[in-house]
Amino acid sequence: MRFLLDADQRAFAGSLHAMLTAADTPAVIRDWSRGDHASGRALWSRIAGAGVFALAVPEEYGGLGPRPVELAVACIELGRHAVPGPLAETVGAAVLLGGPPLAERFLPGLAAGTDLATVAAPGSHAVDGDAASVRLSPAPGGLYLSTQAPGPVRRSLDPARRLTPLAPGGELLTPAPPYDRALTWIRLATAAQALGVGLALLDRTVAYVRQRTQFGVPVGSFQAVKHRLADARTALEFARPLLFGAAVSLRPADVAAAKLTACEAAYRTARTALHLHGAIGYTAEYGLSLWLTRARALRSAWGTPEECRELVLAEGL
């Protein structure tokens, strides 16, 4: 099957790319990493104004969706610009809170971007719990809404993904949420972000090897460099149709396969980018590091490669 985005979807991606390019996201990421959320919240409001979070919210609650394909399109651009914040977790929260009476209480704020949400997987920390106003953790028979401030921030490999333990207990929201369905949406958003991160790393590396010279010629003219970049491009382009196919079907195994493929492609591209940039790629001052660490963090977020493989093997494609 040949899967192509239509004109509206391509225009949506283009408008997001233009908006985020003008937003100086590297400065926003560095602020967010320090715990300064002001610029990040301002950007979040602009993203919400473009309708991104509304894509996971039904129309009767102020949303535009559910539209998983358009959400994947948006998350690719958010990943391409390494936008900080609990993006996939807010999408998952919209799914978890999608039934009455919880929907009327929470979904309009999530769709409008006035509320940020995070979800703690069982036995793990929440991403950006210090910035989120809606902090959720699944519980038997319902869903806990943490009503106390989260614990101290624990930094992850990606400084912009601030991990926080949620206070135990809180308000028990019932009935039991569709956690498996929410996990599928979270993984889809994570996979799309990873693909965007990989595409950004590839573009930056191609631009770098064109301008860096050795022996009087651009490094990018060397055959070995071309092969490394071609392999990265092939891996990313192979992940793209799997991602959109998974967005159409929303089968857990399809989404797990898409996450595995997109995250591995992004991680491979990150290794290639670091190798071809050399020592400058390691430095915190150089912007490449913002994408390198994101690629590594997304690879294990919401399902390690091993867990995704096990799901694909168990359910089949």
Protein backbone atom coordinates (compact mmCIF):
# COMPACT_ATOMS: atom_id res chain seq x y z
CA MET A 1 0.00 0.00 0.00
CA ARG A 2 1.25 3.49 -0.82
CA PHE A 3 0.66 5.91 2.01
CA LEU A 4 0.95 9.64 1.29
CA LEU A 5 -0.10 12.63 3.35
CA ASP A 6 -2.73 14.83 1.77
CA ALA A 7 -2.31 18.53 1.05
CA ASP A 8 -3.88 19.65 4.35
CA GLN A 9 -1.63 17.37 6.38
CA ARG A 10 1.47 18.59 4.56
CA ALA A 11 0.39 22.20 5.07
CA PHE A 12 -0.16 21.51 8.77
CA ALA A 13 3.36 20.12 9.07
CA GLY A 14 4.77 23.07 7.18
CA SER A 15 3.02 25.62 9.38
CA LEU A 16 4.28 23.94 12.55
CA HIS A 17 7.81 23.79 11.15
CA ALA A 18 7.74 27.49 10.32
CA MET A 19 6.36 28.43 13.72
CA LEU A 20 8.90 26.35 15.63
CA THR A 21 11.79 27.53 13.48
CA ALA A 22 10.97 31.09 14.49
CA ALA A 23 10.58 30.18 18.16
CA ASP A 24 14.29 29.61 18.97
CA THR A 25 13.60 26.25 20.57
CA PRO A 26 17.24 25.64 21.66
CA ALA A 27 16.90 28.58 24.09
CA VAL A 28 13.57 27.22 25.29
CA ILE A 29 15.09 23.77 25.83
CA ARG A 30 17.96 25.19 27.90
CA ASP A 31 15.53 27.22 30.03
CA TRP A 32 13.38 24.15 30.60
CA SER A 33 16.40 22.08 31.59
CA ARG A 34 17.15 24.61 34.35
CA GLY A 35 13.59 24.44 35.65
CA ASP A 36 12.56 27.77 34.11
CA HIS A 37 9.28 26.93 32.40
CA ALA A 38 8.14 30.41 31.34
CA SER A 39 9.36 30.30 27.74
CA GLY A 40 8.35 26.65 27.45
CA ARG A 41 4.79 27.39 28.58
CA ALA A 42 4.57 30.26 26.12
CA LEU A 43 5.64 27.92 23.32
CA TRP A 44 3.24 25.26 24.61
CA SER A 45 0.37 27.76 24.30
CA ARG A 46 1.33 28.49 20.70
CA ILE A 47 1.48 24.78 19.88
CA ALA A 48 -1.91 24.27 21.49
CA GLY A 49 -3.24 27.25 19.52
CA ALA A 50 -2.20 25.41 16.36
CA GLY A 51 -4.49 22.56 17.45
CA VAL A 52 -1.88 19.93 18.29
CA PHE A 53 -3.24 18.73 21.63
CA ALA A 54 -6.82 19.04 20.42
CA LEU A 55 -6.05 16.19 17.99
CA ALA A 56 -6.26 13.71 20.88
CA VAL A 57 -9.45 15.21 22.32
CA PRO A 58 -12.98 14.52 20.98
CA GLU A 59 -14.88 17.44 19.50
CA GLU A 60 -17.51 17.48 22.25
CA TYR A 61 -14.82 18.43 24.76
CA GLY A 62 -13.18 21.22 22.79
CA GLY A 63 -10.98 19.06 20.61
CA LEU A 64 -10.57 18.16 16.96
CA GLY A 65 -10.16 14.43 17.21
CA PRO A 66 -9.31 11.82 17.76
CA ARG A 67 -6.98 12.15 14.76
CA PRO A 68 -3.95 9.91 15.26
CA VAL A 69 -2.45 10.49 11.80
CA GLU A 70 -2.46 14.26 12.18
CA LEU A 71 -1.09 13.84 15.70
CA ALA A 72 1.81 11.82 14.29
CA VAL A 73 2.43 14.54 11.70
CA ALA A 74 2.54 17.14 14.48
CA CYS A 75 4.78 15.12 16.77
CA ILE A 76 7.34 14.64 13.99
CA GLU A 77 7.70 18.42 13.83
CA LEU A 78 7.81 18.72 17.63
CA GLY A 79 10.59 16.15 17.65
CA ARG A 80 12.38 17.83 14.75
CA HIS A 81 12.62 20.94 16.92
CA ALA A 82 13.16 19.02 20.19
CA VAL A 83 10.29 20.85 21.90
CA PRO A 84 10.50 20.20 25.65
CA GLY A 85 7.65 19.19 27.94
CA PRO A 86 5.44 16.16 28.55
CA LEU A 87 4.12 16.00 24.99
CA ALA A 88 3.39 12.28 24.68
CA GLU A 89 2.23 12.17 28.29
CA THR A 90 -0.33 14.93 27.70
CA VAL A 91 -1.65 12.94 24.75
CA GLY A 92 -1.88 9.85 26.97
CA ALA A 93 -3.67 11.80 29.68
CA ALA A 94 -6.27 12.97 27.15
CA VAL A 95 -6.99 9.32 26.33
CA LEU A 96 -7.01 8.25 29.98
CA LEU A 97 -9.46 11.02 30.88
CA GLY A 98 -11.58 10.57 27.78
CA GLY A 99 -14.72 9.21 29.42
CA PRO A 100 -17.43 11.02 31.39
CA PRO A 101 -17.41 12.53 33.97
CA LEU A 102 -13.63 13.04 33.81
CA ALA A 103 -13.63 14.35 30.25
CA GLU A 104 -15.72 17.43 31.06
CA ARG A 105 -13.40 18.26 33.94
CA PHE A 106 -10.00 17.85 32.29
CA LEU A 107 -10.08 17.66 28.50
CA PRO A 108 -10.92 21.30 27.62
CA GLY A 109 -7.84 22.49 29.51
CA LEU A 110 -5.59 19.91 27.86
CA ALA A 111 -6.89 20.77 24.39
CA ALA A 112 -6.45 24.50 24.98
CA GLY A 113 -2.94 24.10 26.35
CA THR A 114 -3.76 25.76 29.67
CA ASP A 115 -3.00 22.47 31.43
CA LEU A 116 0.07 20.27 31.01
CA ALA A 117 -0.33 16.64 32.01
CA THR A 118 2.04 13.87 32.86
CA VAL A 119 1.51 10.17 33.45
CA ALA A 120 3.71 7.95 35.59
CA ALA A 121 3.99 4.41 34.33
CA PRO A 122 3.63 1.81 37.11
CA GLY A 123 6.80 1.75 39.17
CA SER A 124 8.46 4.69 37.43
CA HIS A 125 8.84 8.45 37.68
CA ALA A 126 6.77 11.02 35.81
CA VAL A 127 8.27 13.25 33.12
CA ASP A 128 8.13 16.96 34.00
CA GLY A 129 5.93 16.49 37.02
CA ASP A 130 7.19 19.84 38.31
CA ALA A 131 5.71 21.62 35.28
CA ALA A 132 2.48 19.64 34.88
CA SER A 133 -0.76 20.70 36.52
CA VAL A 134 -2.37 17.28 35.95
CA ARG A 135 -0.26 14.43 37.36
CA LEU A 136 -1.69 10.94 36.88
CA SER A 137 -0.70 7.43 37.89
CA PRO A 138 -2.76 4.32 37.09
CA ALA A 139 -4.18 2.42 40.03
CA PRO A 140 -6.38 -0.69 40.40
CA GLY A 141 -9.94 0.34 39.62
CA GLY A 142 -9.17 3.90 38.71
CA LEU A 143 -6.60 6.60 38.26
CA TYR A 144 -4.79 8.61 40.91
CA LEU A 145 -4.61 12.37 40.46
CA SER A 146 -1.66 13.53 42.52
CA THR A 147 -2.75 16.51 44.60
CA GLN A 148 0.60 17.12 46.29
CA ALA A 149 3.79 18.61 44.89
CA PRO A 150 6.05 16.00 43.29
CA GLY A 151 9.36 14.94 44.81
CA PRO A 152 12.72 16.43 43.89
CA VAL A 153 13.67 16.42 40.23
CA ARG A 154 15.93 13.64 39.04
CA ARG A 155 17.64 14.42 35.77
CA SER A 156 17.58 11.95 32.95
CA LEU A 157 20.12 11.53 30.19
CA ASP A 158 18.19 14.27 28.39
CA PRO A 159 18.33 17.31 30.73
CA ALA A 160 15.06 18.59 29.25
CA ARG A 161 13.22 15.45 30.42
CA ARG A 162 12.98 16.16 34.14
CA LEU A 163 11.94 13.05 36.08
CA THR A 164 9.90 13.49 39.25
CA PRO A 165 8.46 10.95 41.71
CA LEU A 166 4.78 11.58 42.28
CA ALA A 167 3.45 11.78 45.82
CA PRO A 168 1.63 8.55 46.75
CA GLY A 169 -2.15 8.54 46.79
CA GLY A 170 -4.19 11.58 45.92
CA GLU A 171 -7.65 11.80 44.42
CA LEU A 172 -8.91 8.51 43.01
CA LEU A 173 -10.58 9.12 39.66
CA THR A 174 -13.01 6.43 38.56
CA PRO A 175 -14.01 4.44 36.54
CA ALA A 176 -10.89 2.47 35.59
CA PRO A 177 -9.08 4.20 32.71
CA PRO A 178 -8.24 2.58 29.34
CA TYR A 179 -4.54 2.34 30.22
CA ASP A 180 -3.56 0.01 27.36
CA ARG A 181 -5.21 2.30 24.83
CA ALA A 182 -3.52 5.33 26.36
CA LEU A 183 -0.16 3.55 26.24
CA THR A 184 -0.65 2.94 22.51
CA TRP A 185 -1.21 6.65 21.90
CA ILE A 186 1.78 7.59 24.06
CA ARG A 187 4.01 5.21 22.12
CA LEU A 188 2.73 6.58 18.83
CA ALA A 189 3.56 10.14 19.89
CA THR A 190 6.96 9.02 21.18
CA ALA A 191 7.76 7.22 17.91
CA ALA A 192 6.80 10.29 15.88
CA GLN A 193 8.99 12.54 18.03
CA ALA A 194 11.90 10.14 17.60
CA LEU A 195 11.51 10.22 13.83
CA GLY A 196 11.55 14.02 13.92
CA VAL A 197 14.67 14.01 16.10
CA GLY A 198 16.40 11.69 13.63
CA LEU A 199 15.47 13.86 10.66
CA ALA A 200 16.84 16.96 12.42
CA LEU A 201 20.09 15.20 13.27
CA LEU A 202 20.49 14.07 9.67
CA ASP A 203 19.82 17.55 8.26
CA ARG A 204 22.28 19.16 10.66
CA THR A 205 24.95 16.59 9.91
CA VAL A 206 24.58 16.93 6.13
CA ALA A 207 24.94 20.70 6.47
CA TYR A 208 28.02 20.28 8.68
CA VAL A 209 29.92 17.87 6.42
CA ARG A 210 29.27 20.15 3.44
CA GLN A 211 31.04 23.05 5.14
CA ARG A 212 33.79 21.22 7.03
CA THR A 213 36.86 20.60 4.90
CA GLN A 214 39.75 18.18 5.11
CA PHE A 215 42.61 17.84 2.62
CA GLY A 216 41.14 20.86 0.88
CA VAL A 217 37.74 19.29 0.09
CA PRO A 218 34.42 19.04 1.97
CA VAL A 219 34.23 16.04 4.31
CA GLY A 220 30.87 15.23 2.77
CA SER A 221 32.57 14.34 -0.50
CA PHE A 222 34.23 11.28 1.05
CA GLN A 223 32.59 8.01 0.05
CA ALA A 224 32.59 6.59 3.60
CA VAL A 225 30.75 9.68 4.89
CA LYS A 226 28.19 9.44 2.10
CA HIS A 227 27.55 5.79 2.96
CA ARG A 228 26.99 6.56 6.65
CA LEU A 229 24.52 9.32 5.83
CA ALA A 230 22.75 7.20 3.21
CA ASP A 231 22.30 4.39 5.74
CA ALA A 232 20.82 6.85 8.25
CA ARG A 233 18.45 8.29 5.64
CA THR A 234 17.31 4.81 4.61
CA ALA A 235 16.57 3.83 8.21
CA LEU A 236 14.54 6.98 8.84
CA GLU A 237 12.57 6.70 5.60
CA PHE A 238 11.82 3.05 6.34
CA ALA A 239 10.38 4.10 9.71
CA ARG A 240 8.07 6.74 8.23
CA PRO A 241 5.47 4.45 6.56
CA LEU A 242 5.47 2.14 9.59
CA LEU A 243 4.65 5.14 11.77
CA PHE A 244 1.77 6.34 9.62
CA GLY A 245 0.50 2.81 9.10
CA ALA A 246 0.43 2.36 12.87
CA ALA A 247 -1.42 5.67 13.22
CA VAL A 248 -4.10 4.36 10.87
CA SER A 249 -4.53 0.98 12.56
CA LEU A 250 -3.68 1.89 16.20
CA ARG A 251 -2.99 -1.79 16.82
CA PRO A 252 -0.62 -2.12 19.79
CA ALA A 253 1.72 -4.40 17.84
CA ASP A 254 1.83 -1.98 14.89
CA VAL A 255 2.57 0.95 17.17
CA ALA A 256 5.25 -1.05 19.02
CA ALA A 257 6.88 -1.91 15.68
CA ALA A 258 6.76 1.75 14.64
CA LYS A 259 8.27 2.89 17.93
CA LEU A 260 11.02 0.28 17.72
CA THR A 261 11.88 1.19 14.13
CA ALA A 262 11.70 4.97 14.54
CA CYS A 263 13.65 5.05 17.80
CA GLU A 264 16.35 2.71 16.51
CA ALA A 265 16.65 4.78 13.33
CA ALA A 266 16.94 7.99 15.36
CA TYR A 267 19.52 6.40 17.67
CA ARG A 268 21.54 5.17 14.70
CA THR A 269 21.40 8.62 13.15
CA ALA A 270 22.51 10.16 16.45
CA ARG A 271 25.58 7.90 16.51
CA THR A 272 26.37 8.82 12.91
CA ALA A 273 25.91 12.53 13.64
CA LEU A 274 28.21 12.40 16.63
CA HIS A 275 30.85 10.45 14.71
CA LEU A 276 30.85 12.85 11.76
CA HIS A 277 30.83 15.98 13.90
CA GLY A 278 33.72 14.79 16.03
CA ALA A 279 34.49 16.26 19.44
CA ILE A 280 32.37 19.38 18.91
CA GLY A 281 29.26 17.19 18.98
CA TYR A 282 29.88 16.32 22.62
CA THR A 283 29.87 19.88 23.90
CA ALA A 284 26.83 21.20 25.73
CA GLU A 285 27.24 24.58 24.05
CA TYR A 286 26.84 23.11 20.59
CA GLY A 287 23.21 22.66 19.67
CA LEU A 288 23.62 19.11 18.39
CA SER A 289 23.67 17.77 21.94
CA LEU A 290 20.03 18.78 22.46
CA TRP A 291 18.98 16.28 19.81
CA LEU A 292 21.55 13.61 20.66
CA THR A 293 20.32 13.25 24.22
CA ARG A 294 16.68 13.32 23.12
CA ALA A 295 17.25 10.45 20.69
CA ARG A 296 18.79 8.35 23.45
CA ALA A 297 16.06 9.16 25.98
CA LEU A 298 13.15 8.44 23.61
CA ARG A 299 14.65 5.08 22.69
CA SER A 300 13.81 3.66 26.11
CA ALA A 301 10.80 5.85 26.98
CA TRP A 302 7.47 4.04 27.17
CA GLY A 303 8.84 0.73 25.97
CA THR A 304 12.43 -0.35 25.51
CA PRO A 305 13.46 -1.95 22.21
CA GLU A 306 13.27 -5.36 23.89
CA GLU A 307 9.74 -4.71 25.21
CA CYS A 308 8.54 -3.53 21.81
CA ARG A 309 10.03 -6.60 20.10
CA GLU A 310 8.32 -8.88 22.61
CA LEU A 311 4.95 -7.23 21.93
CA VAL A 312 5.37 -7.53 18.17
CA LEU A 313 6.34 -11.19 18.47
CA ALA A 314 3.46 -11.92 20.84
CA GLU A 315 0.73 -10.24 18.78
CA GLY A 316 2.22 -10.44 15.29
CA LEU A 317 1.93 -7.89 12.51
